[in-house]
Amino acid sequence: MTLKAKKNAGPVAVTLETARGSGGALSSKVGTKFAYAGLSFDKVQLTADGGQVLETSLVPLEGVKLSFKGNKGADLGIDYTKGNLYATGVLDVKDMSKVSTSACLGLASGFTVGGDATYALSGKTGFSAYNVGASYSQGKLFASVTSASQLSSVNIGCVYKVNADLSLASSTSHSSEKACTVHAIGAAYKAPIGDVKAKIGADGILSACLIKEVAPKVTVTASGAVSTSDLSSFKYGLGIVI
């Protein structure tokens, strides 16, 4: 169970997030965000274990965004946008262990293509990961194809919007070792009582949740999961966002 509360504290808004673990213990996070002199502090957070999170961003030029994310590690990033092109780069500035990059280009007729790569700077240097992907969107159908494990397998995702209230989705993977693996099949339905989402995975776990706005800016999410082979394994949860 998670409870989020927001409160204005002078010129900034403070967010308190409290989560209840499986053993009943409570853990809290206190955070805020603000901007000063063109520098945006997107997340400044203190966690219950004494950890600190800092995320900042800066836009020095049109279409260029610089960012810094610090938690257990530290990453310096750059985002570039021009027309239908979006590219990113991330450098691990704490250990100088790797640099990652990605690019995505929107084409005509609903097609989008892209790819990503990671280059190791320490240990065994060289490309440690690289993949490509493409997506297609037309009318009620959205489909995506992405490679995984350095082009050794392909993941396919599909979403079909039956009508304004009901959408169906599936996720599968394909490789030379196994022609087809169905990871999950799901659906989303806008019911009168709220948004209902459900899926069943390849492991036989059936999950569902109900999301409802009970008051302005107050959302309640009730969720549950059960193994189709063992109904006694039913688990549930409740979340409130204020």
C-alpha atoms as a PDB file:
ATOM      1  CA  MET A   1       0.000   0.000   0.000  1.00  0.00           C
ATOM      2  CA  THR A   2       1.310   3.422  -0.960  1.00  0.00           C
ATOM      3  CA  LEU A   3       0.146   6.859   0.143  1.00  0.00           C
ATOM      4  CA  LYS A   4       1.280  10.077  -1.546  1.00  0.00           C
ATOM      5  CA  ALA A   5       0.582  13.552  -0.189  1.00  0.00           C
ATOM      6  CA  LYS A   6       1.551  16.919  -1.665  1.00  0.00           C
ATOM      7  CA  LYS A   7       1.730  20.199   0.253  1.00  0.00           C
ATOM      8  CA  ASN A   8       2.947  23.658  -0.714  1.00  0.00           C
ATOM      9  CA  ALA A   9       5.837  24.871   1.445  1.00  0.00           C
ATOM     10  CA  GLY A  10       6.441  28.459   0.438  1.00  0.00           C
ATOM     11  CA  PRO A  11       7.551  28.684  -3.205  1.00  0.00           C
ATOM     12  CA  VAL A  12       7.961  24.904  -3.621  1.00  0.00           C
ATOM     13  CA  ALA A  13       5.705  21.861  -3.325  1.00  0.00           C
ATOM     14  CA  VAL A  14       6.777  19.018  -1.012  1.00  0.00           C
ATOM     15  CA  THR A  15       5.742  15.425  -1.698  1.00  0.00           C
ATOM     16  CA  LEU A  16       5.596  12.805   1.057  1.00  0.00           C
ATOM     17  CA  GLU A  17       5.381   9.201  -0.135  1.00  0.00           C
ATOM     18  CA  THR A  18       4.825   6.424   2.412  1.00  0.00           C
ATOM     19  CA  ALA A  19       4.821   2.735   1.504  1.00  0.00           C
ATOM     20  CA  ARG A  20       3.837  -0.256   3.631  1.00  0.00           C
ATOM     21  CA  GLY A  21       5.994  -3.320   3.058  1.00  0.00           C
ATOM     22  CA  SER A  22       4.890  -6.952   3.137  1.00  0.00           C
ATOM     23  CA  GLY A  23       6.019  -7.220   6.760  1.00  0.00           C
ATOM     24  CA  GLY A  24       4.051  -4.158   7.827  1.00  0.00           C
ATOM     25  CA  ALA A  25       7.014  -1.790   8.096  1.00  0.00           C
ATOM     26  CA  LEU A  26       6.532   1.764   6.839  1.00  0.00           C
ATOM     27  CA  SER A  27       9.107   3.608   4.736  1.00  0.00           C
ATOM     28  CA  SER A  28       8.837   7.221   3.634  1.00  0.00           C
ATOM     29  CA  LYS A  29      10.364   9.497   1.010  1.00  0.00           C
ATOM     30  CA  VAL A  30      10.327  13.288   1.131  1.00  0.00           C
ATOM     31  CA  GLY A  31      10.933  15.202  -2.062  1.00  0.00           C
ATOM     32  CA  THR A  32      10.392  18.414  -3.952  1.00  0.00           C
ATOM     33  CA  LYS A  33      11.068  20.022  -7.329  1.00  0.00           C
ATOM     34  CA  PHE A  34      11.636  23.612  -8.414  1.00  0.00           C
ATOM     35  CA  ALA A  35      13.465  25.770 -10.953  1.00  0.00           C
ATOM     36  CA  TYR A  36      16.004  28.550 -10.445  1.00  0.00           C
ATOM     37  CA  ALA A  37      17.901  30.712 -12.970  1.00  0.00           C
ATOM     38  CA  GLY A  38      17.077  28.391 -15.860  1.00  0.00           C
ATOM     39  CA  LEU A  39      18.177  25.249 -13.996  1.00  0.00           C
ATOM     40  CA  SER A  40      15.362  22.821 -13.223  1.00  0.00           C
ATOM     41  CA  PHE A  41      15.630  20.628 -10.120  1.00  0.00           C
ATOM     42  CA  ASP A  42      13.281  17.889 -11.322  1.00  0.00           C
ATOM     43  CA  LYS A  43      13.652  15.707  -8.217  1.00  0.00           C
ATOM     44  CA  VAL A  44      15.267  16.382  -4.844  1.00  0.00           C
ATOM     45  CA  GLN A  45      14.448  13.487  -2.542  1.00  0.00           C
ATOM     46  CA  LEU A  46      15.479  11.994   0.803  1.00  0.00           C
ATOM     47  CA  THR A  47      14.708   8.315   1.437  1.00  0.00           C
ATOM     48  CA  ALA A  48      14.110   6.441   4.675  1.00  0.00           C
ATOM     49  CA  ASP A  49      17.480   4.650   4.505  1.00  0.00           C
ATOM     50  CA  GLY A  50      19.359   7.946   4.364  1.00  0.00           C
ATOM     51  CA  GLY A  51      19.776   7.910   0.608  1.00  0.00           C
ATOM     52  CA  GLN A  52      19.557  10.995  -1.560  1.00  0.00           C
ATOM     53  CA  VAL A  53      18.207  11.466  -5.071  1.00  0.00           C
ATOM     54  CA  LEU A  54      19.021  14.473  -7.253  1.00  0.00           C
ATOM     55  CA  GLU A  55      17.788  15.014 -10.803  1.00  0.00           C
ATOM     56  CA  THR A  56      18.399  18.275 -12.645  1.00  0.00           C
ATOM     57  CA  SER A  57      18.002  19.489 -16.222  1.00  0.00           C
ATOM     58  CA  LEU A  58      19.039  22.483 -18.308  1.00  0.00           C
ATOM     59  CA  VAL A  59      18.105  23.636 -21.826  1.00  0.00           C
ATOM     60  CA  PRO A  60      21.112  25.601 -23.215  1.00  0.00           C
ATOM     61  CA  LEU A  61      19.855  25.574 -26.822  1.00  0.00           C
ATOM     62  CA  GLU A  62      16.599  24.912 -28.592  1.00  0.00           C
ATOM     63  CA  GLY A  63      16.203  21.164 -29.016  1.00  0.00           C
ATOM     64  CA  VAL A  64      19.054  20.340 -26.611  1.00  0.00           C
ATOM     65  CA  LYS A  65      18.483  19.257 -23.006  1.00  0.00           C
ATOM     66  CA  LEU A  66      21.254  18.438 -20.538  1.00  0.00           C
ATOM     67  CA  SER A  67      20.438  16.361 -17.461  1.00  0.00           C
ATOM     68  CA  PHE A  68      22.057  14.898 -14.359  1.00  0.00           C
ATOM     69  CA  LYS A  69      20.710  11.996 -12.321  1.00  0.00           C
ATOM     70  CA  GLY A  70      22.348  11.046  -9.061  1.00  0.00           C
ATOM     71  CA  ASN A  71      21.301   8.271  -6.682  1.00  0.00           C
ATOM     72  CA  LYS A  72      23.517   5.251  -6.077  1.00  0.00           C
ATOM     73  CA  GLY A  73      25.246   6.170  -9.313  1.00  0.00           C
ATOM     74  CA  ALA A  74      25.664   9.374 -11.293  1.00  0.00           C
ATOM     75  CA  ASP A  75      24.692   9.840 -14.944  1.00  0.00           C
ATOM     76  CA  LEU A  76      25.148  12.845 -17.205  1.00  0.00           C
ATOM     77  CA  GLY A  77      22.773  12.883 -20.148  1.00  0.00           C
ATOM     78  CA  ILE A  78      21.920  14.836 -23.273  1.00  0.00           C
ATOM     79  CA  ASP A  79      18.694  14.762 -25.288  1.00  0.00           C
ATOM     80  CA  TYR A  80      18.485  16.158 -28.822  1.00  0.00           C
ATOM     81  CA  THR A  81      15.278  16.794 -30.718  1.00  0.00           C
ATOM     82  CA  LYS A  82      14.890  18.135 -34.238  1.00  0.00           C
ATOM     83  CA  GLY A  83      11.832  17.493 -36.352  1.00  0.00           C
ATOM     84  CA  ASN A  84      11.070  13.762 -36.299  1.00  0.00           C
ATOM     85  CA  LEU A  85      14.487  12.874 -34.835  1.00  0.00           C
ATOM     86  CA  TYR A  86      15.058  12.204 -31.137  1.00  0.00           C
ATOM     87  CA  ALA A  87      18.482  11.119 -29.850  1.00  0.00           C
ATOM     88  CA  THR A  88      19.962  10.586 -26.389  1.00  0.00           C
ATOM     89  CA  GLY A  89      23.339  10.015 -24.796  1.00  0.00           C
ATOM     90  CA  VAL A  90      24.169   9.017 -21.201  1.00  0.00           C
ATOM     91  CA  LEU A  91      27.623   8.904 -19.599  1.00  0.00           C
ATOM     92  CA  ASP A  92      28.325   7.220 -16.258  1.00  0.00           C
ATOM     93  CA  VAL A  93      30.346   9.984 -14.587  1.00  0.00           C
ATOM     94  CA  LYS A  94      30.766   8.192 -11.257  1.00  0.00           C
ATOM     95  CA  ASP A  95      32.650   5.075 -12.355  1.00  0.00           C
ATOM     96  CA  MET A  96      33.276   6.073 -15.997  1.00  0.00           C
ATOM     97  CA  SER A  97      32.238   2.529 -16.862  1.00  0.00           C
ATOM     98  CA  LYS A  98      30.000   3.031 -19.897  1.00  0.00           C
ATOM     99  CA  VAL A  99      28.332   5.380 -22.333  1.00  0.00           C
ATOM    100  CA  SER A 100      24.893   4.693 -23.806  1.00  0.00           C
ATOM    101  CA  THR A 101      23.156   6.208 -26.791  1.00  0.00           C
ATOM    102  CA  SER A 102      19.858   5.833 -28.631  1.00  0.00           C
ATOM    103  CA  ALA A 103      18.105   7.390 -31.604  1.00  0.00           C
ATOM    104  CA  CYS A 104      14.549   7.334 -32.939  1.00  0.00           C
ATOM    105  CA  LEU A 105      13.264   8.666 -36.254  1.00  0.00           C
ATOM    106  CA  GLY A 106       9.640   9.094 -37.267  1.00  0.00           C
ATOM    107  CA  LEU A 107       8.871   8.262 -40.886  1.00  0.00           C
ATOM    108  CA  ALA A 108       5.842   8.702 -43.099  1.00  0.00           C
ATOM    109  CA  SER A 109       2.806   6.366 -43.070  1.00  0.00           C
ATOM    110  CA  GLY A 110       2.947   5.740 -39.299  1.00  0.00           C
ATOM    111  CA  PHE A 111       6.392   4.065 -39.160  1.00  0.00           C
ATOM    112  CA  THR A 112       9.061   4.793 -36.541  1.00  0.00           C
ATOM    113  CA  VAL A 113      12.552   3.240 -36.488  1.00  0.00           C
ATOM    114  CA  GLY A 114      15.325   3.421 -33.926  1.00  0.00           C
ATOM    115  CA  GLY A 115      18.162   1.730 -32.124  1.00  0.00           C
ATOM    116  CA  ASP A 116      20.342   1.845 -29.022  1.00  0.00           C
ATOM    117  CA  ALA A 117      23.857   0.833 -28.055  1.00  0.00           C
ATOM    118  CA  THR A 118      26.039   0.687 -24.947  1.00  0.00           C
ATOM    119  CA  TYR A 119      29.838   0.959 -25.071  1.00  0.00           C
ATOM    120  CA  ALA A 120      31.908  -0.259 -22.097  1.00  0.00           C
ATOM    121  CA  LEU A 121      34.721   2.092 -21.057  1.00  0.00           C
ATOM    122  CA  SER A 122      36.279  -0.130 -18.385  1.00  0.00           C
ATOM    123  CA  GLY A 123      37.144  -3.803 -18.088  1.00  0.00           C
ATOM    124  CA  LYS A 124      36.454  -5.446 -21.438  1.00  0.00           C
ATOM    125  CA  THR A 125      35.934  -2.364 -23.571  1.00  0.00           C
ATOM    126  CA  GLY A 126      33.677  -2.427 -26.609  1.00  0.00           C
ATOM    127  CA  PHE A 127      29.989  -2.631 -27.407  1.00  0.00           C
ATOM    128  CA  SER A 128      28.268  -4.533 -24.594  1.00  0.00           C
ATOM    129  CA  ALA A 129      24.737  -4.118 -25.934  1.00  0.00           C
ATOM    130  CA  TYR A 130      23.047  -3.045 -29.144  1.00  0.00           C
ATOM    131  CA  ASN A 131      19.539  -3.461 -30.544  1.00  0.00           C
ATOM    132  CA  VAL A 132      17.173  -2.022 -33.131  1.00  0.00           C
ATOM    133  CA  GLY A 133      13.435  -1.609 -33.348  1.00  0.00           C
ATOM    134  CA  ALA A 134      10.500  -0.306 -35.333  1.00  0.00           C
ATOM    135  CA  SER A 135       6.843   0.492 -34.732  1.00  0.00           C
ATOM    136  CA  TYR A 136       3.748   1.029 -36.847  1.00  0.00           C
ATOM    137  CA  SER A 137       0.601   2.921 -35.935  1.00  0.00           C
ATOM    138  CA  GLN A 138      -2.449   3.163 -38.151  1.00  0.00           C
ATOM    139  CA  GLY A 139      -6.052   3.645 -37.081  1.00  0.00           C
ATOM    140  CA  LYS A 140      -6.926   1.225 -34.276  1.00  0.00           C
ATOM    141  CA  LEU A 141      -3.708  -0.808 -34.527  1.00  0.00           C
ATOM    142  CA  PHE A 142      -0.296  -0.235 -32.957  1.00  0.00           C
ATOM    143  CA  ALA A 143       2.499  -2.789 -33.379  1.00  0.00           C
ATOM    144  CA  SER A 144       6.175  -2.766 -32.396  1.00  0.00           C
ATOM    145  CA  VAL A 145       9.139  -5.012 -33.193  1.00  0.00           C
ATOM    146  CA  THR A 146      12.335  -4.777 -31.127  1.00  0.00           C
ATOM    147  CA  SER A 147      15.409  -6.939 -30.956  1.00  0.00           C
ATOM    148  CA  ALA A 148      16.942  -8.158 -27.697  1.00  0.00           C
ATOM    149  CA  SER A 149      20.203  -9.709 -26.470  1.00  0.00           C
ATOM    150  CA  GLN A 150      22.263  -8.190 -29.279  1.00  0.00           C
ATOM    151  CA  LEU A 151      19.868  -9.114 -32.097  1.00  0.00           C
ATOM    152  CA  SER A 152      19.537 -12.764 -30.958  1.00  0.00           C
ATOM    153  CA  SER A 153      15.765 -12.541 -30.432  1.00  0.00           C
ATOM    154  CA  VAL A 154      12.802 -10.385 -31.430  1.00  0.00           C
ATOM    155  CA  ASN A 155       9.991  -9.019 -29.253  1.00  0.00           C
ATOM    156  CA  ILE A 156       6.626  -8.175 -30.788  1.00  0.00           C
ATOM    157  CA  GLY A 157       3.964  -6.090 -29.061  1.00  0.00           C
ATOM    158  CA  CYS A 158       0.497  -5.336 -30.400  1.00  0.00           C
ATOM    159  CA  VAL A 159      -2.335  -3.104 -29.199  1.00  0.00           C
ATOM    160  CA  TYR A 160      -5.732  -3.085 -30.890  1.00  0.00           C
ATOM    161  CA  LYS A 161      -8.307  -0.479 -29.900  1.00  0.00           C
ATOM    162  CA  VAL A 162     -11.643  -2.210 -30.336  1.00  0.00           C
ATOM    163  CA  ASN A 163     -13.598   0.944 -29.504  1.00  0.00           C
ATOM    164  CA  ALA A 164     -13.353   4.046 -27.317  1.00  0.00           C
ATOM    165  CA  ASP A 165     -13.694   1.914 -24.162  1.00  0.00           C
ATOM    166  CA  LEU A 166     -11.926  -1.388 -24.880  1.00  0.00           C
ATOM    167  CA  SER A 167      -8.322  -2.120 -25.941  1.00  0.00           C
ATOM    168  CA  LEU A 168      -6.571  -5.493 -26.324  1.00  0.00           C
ATOM    169  CA  ALA A 169      -2.821  -6.110 -26.133  1.00  0.00           C
ATOM    170  CA  SER A 170      -0.293  -8.931 -26.462  1.00  0.00           C
ATOM    171  CA  SER A 171       3.455  -9.415 -25.983  1.00  0.00           C
ATOM    172  CA  THR A 172       5.469 -12.245 -27.575  1.00  0.00           C
ATOM    173  CA  SER A 173       9.111 -13.078 -28.284  1.00  0.00           C
ATOM    174  CA  HIS A 174      10.676 -15.109 -31.078  1.00  0.00           C
ATOM    175  CA  SER A 175      14.143 -16.632 -31.518  1.00  0.00           C
ATOM    176  CA  SER A 176      15.951 -19.470 -33.249  1.00  0.00           C
ATOM    177  CA  GLU A 177      15.718 -21.505 -30.042  1.00  0.00           C
ATOM    178  CA  LYS A 178      11.953 -21.041 -29.619  1.00  0.00           C
ATOM    179  CA  ALA A 179       9.659 -19.939 -32.390  1.00  0.00           C
ATOM    180  CA  CYS A 180       7.115 -18.175 -30.159  1.00  0.00           C
ATOM    181  CA  THR A 181       6.812 -17.350 -26.470  1.00  0.00           C
ATOM    182  CA  VAL A 182       3.662 -15.586 -25.290  1.00  0.00           C
ATOM    183  CA  HIS A 183       4.641 -13.324 -22.402  1.00  0.00           C
ATOM    184  CA  ALA A 184       1.264 -11.739 -21.678  1.00  0.00           C
ATOM    185  CA  ILE A 185      -2.182 -11.033 -23.067  1.00  0.00           C
ATOM    186  CA  GLY A 186      -4.136  -8.139 -21.574  1.00  0.00           C
ATOM    187  CA  ALA A 187      -7.033  -5.762 -21.909  1.00  0.00           C
ATOM    188  CA  ALA A 188      -8.046  -2.306 -20.695  1.00  0.00           C
ATOM    189  CA  TYR A 189     -11.675  -1.274 -20.281  1.00  0.00           C
ATOM    190  CA  LYS A 190     -13.167   2.081 -19.318  1.00  0.00           C
ATOM    191  CA  ALA A 191     -16.027   0.912 -17.137  1.00  0.00           C
ATOM    192  CA  PRO A 192     -18.613   3.155 -15.441  1.00  0.00           C
ATOM    193  CA  ILE A 193     -16.968   2.415 -12.066  1.00  0.00           C
ATOM    194  CA  GLY A 194     -13.429   3.263 -13.299  1.00  0.00           C
ATOM    195  CA  ASP A 195     -10.604   2.042 -15.538  1.00  0.00           C
ATOM    196  CA  VAL A 196     -10.175  -1.743 -15.409  1.00  0.00           C
ATOM    197  CA  LYS A 197      -6.937  -3.362 -16.568  1.00  0.00           C
ATOM    198  CA  ALA A 198      -6.190  -7.101 -16.595  1.00  0.00           C
ATOM    199  CA  LYS A 199      -3.537  -9.431 -17.994  1.00  0.00           C
ATOM    200  CA  ILE A 200      -2.458 -13.050 -17.832  1.00  0.00           C
ATOM    201  CA  GLY A 201       1.209 -13.920 -18.161  1.00  0.00           C
ATOM    202  CA  ALA A 202       3.083 -16.935 -19.434  1.00  0.00           C
ATOM    203  CA  ASP A 203       3.630 -17.965 -15.799  1.00  0.00           C
ATOM    204  CA  GLY A 204      -0.143 -18.351 -15.322  1.00  0.00           C
ATOM    205  CA  ILE A 205      -0.462 -15.316 -13.057  1.00  0.00           C
ATOM    206  CA  LEU A 206      -3.694 -13.402 -13.603  1.00  0.00           C
ATOM    207  CA  SER A 207      -3.446  -9.736 -12.548  1.00  0.00           C
ATOM    208  CA  ALA A 208      -6.079  -7.013 -12.544  1.00  0.00           C
ATOM    209  CA  CYS A 209      -6.541  -3.521 -11.178  1.00  0.00           C
ATOM    210  CA  LEU A 210      -9.257  -0.896 -10.891  1.00  0.00           C
ATOM    211  CA  ILE A 211      -8.262   2.778 -11.103  1.00  0.00           C
ATOM    212  CA  LYS A 212     -10.820   5.377 -10.052  1.00  0.00           C
ATOM    213  CA  GLU A 213     -10.693   9.097  -9.358  1.00  0.00           C
ATOM    214  CA  VAL A 214     -12.813   9.402  -6.204  1.00  0.00           C
ATOM    215  CA  ALA A 215     -12.317  13.178  -5.870  1.00  0.00           C
ATOM    216  CA  PRO A 216     -10.491  15.921  -7.807  1.00  0.00           C
ATOM    217  CA  LYS A 217      -6.793  14.899  -7.942  1.00  0.00           C
ATOM    218  CA  VAL A 218      -7.446  11.904  -5.654  1.00  0.00           C
ATOM    219  CA  THR A 219      -6.979   8.510  -7.338  1.00  0.00           C
ATOM    220  CA  VAL A 220      -7.514   5.090  -5.755  1.00  0.00           C
ATOM    221  CA  THR A 221      -6.035   1.933  -7.290  1.00  0.00           C
ATOM    222  CA  ALA A 222      -7.178  -1.519  -6.139  1.00  0.00           C
ATOM    223  CA  SER A 223      -5.191  -4.450  -7.516  1.00  0.00           C
ATOM    224  CA  GLY A 224      -5.062  -8.207  -7.211  1.00  0.00           C
ATOM    225  CA  ALA A 225      -3.095 -11.160  -8.580  1.00  0.00           C
ATOM    226  CA  VAL A 226      -3.609 -14.917  -8.419  1.00  0.00           C
ATOM    227  CA  SER A 227      -2.068 -18.006  -9.966  1.00  0.00           C
ATOM    228  CA  THR A 228      -4.554 -19.846 -12.167  1.00  0.00           C
ATOM    229  CA  SER A 229      -3.165 -23.123 -10.805  1.00  0.00           C
ATOM    230  CA  ASP A 230      -3.447 -22.107  -7.124  1.00  0.00           C
ATOM    231  CA  LEU A 231      -6.339 -19.824  -6.199  1.00  0.00           C
ATOM    232  CA  SER A 232      -5.142 -19.705  -2.569  1.00  0.00           C
ATOM    233  CA  SER A 233      -2.168 -17.595  -3.702  1.00  0.00           C
ATOM    234  CA  PHE A 234      -4.361 -14.539  -4.197  1.00  0.00           C
ATOM    235  CA  LYS A 235      -2.649 -11.236  -3.311  1.00  0.00           C
ATOM    236  CA  TYR A 236      -4.145  -7.766  -3.234  1.00  0.00           C
ATOM    237  CA  GLY A 237      -3.056  -4.171  -2.851  1.00  0.00           C
ATOM    238  CA  LEU A 238      -4.469  -0.668  -2.486  1.00  0.00           C
ATOM    239  CA  GLY A 239      -2.884   2.607  -3.525  1.00  0.00           C
ATOM    240  CA  ILE A 240      -3.986   6.202  -2.990  1.00  0.00           C
ATOM    241  CA  VAL A 241      -2.550   9.241  -4.767  1.00  0.00           C
ATOM    242  CA  ILE A 242      -3.530  12.633  -3.340  1.00  0.00           C
END
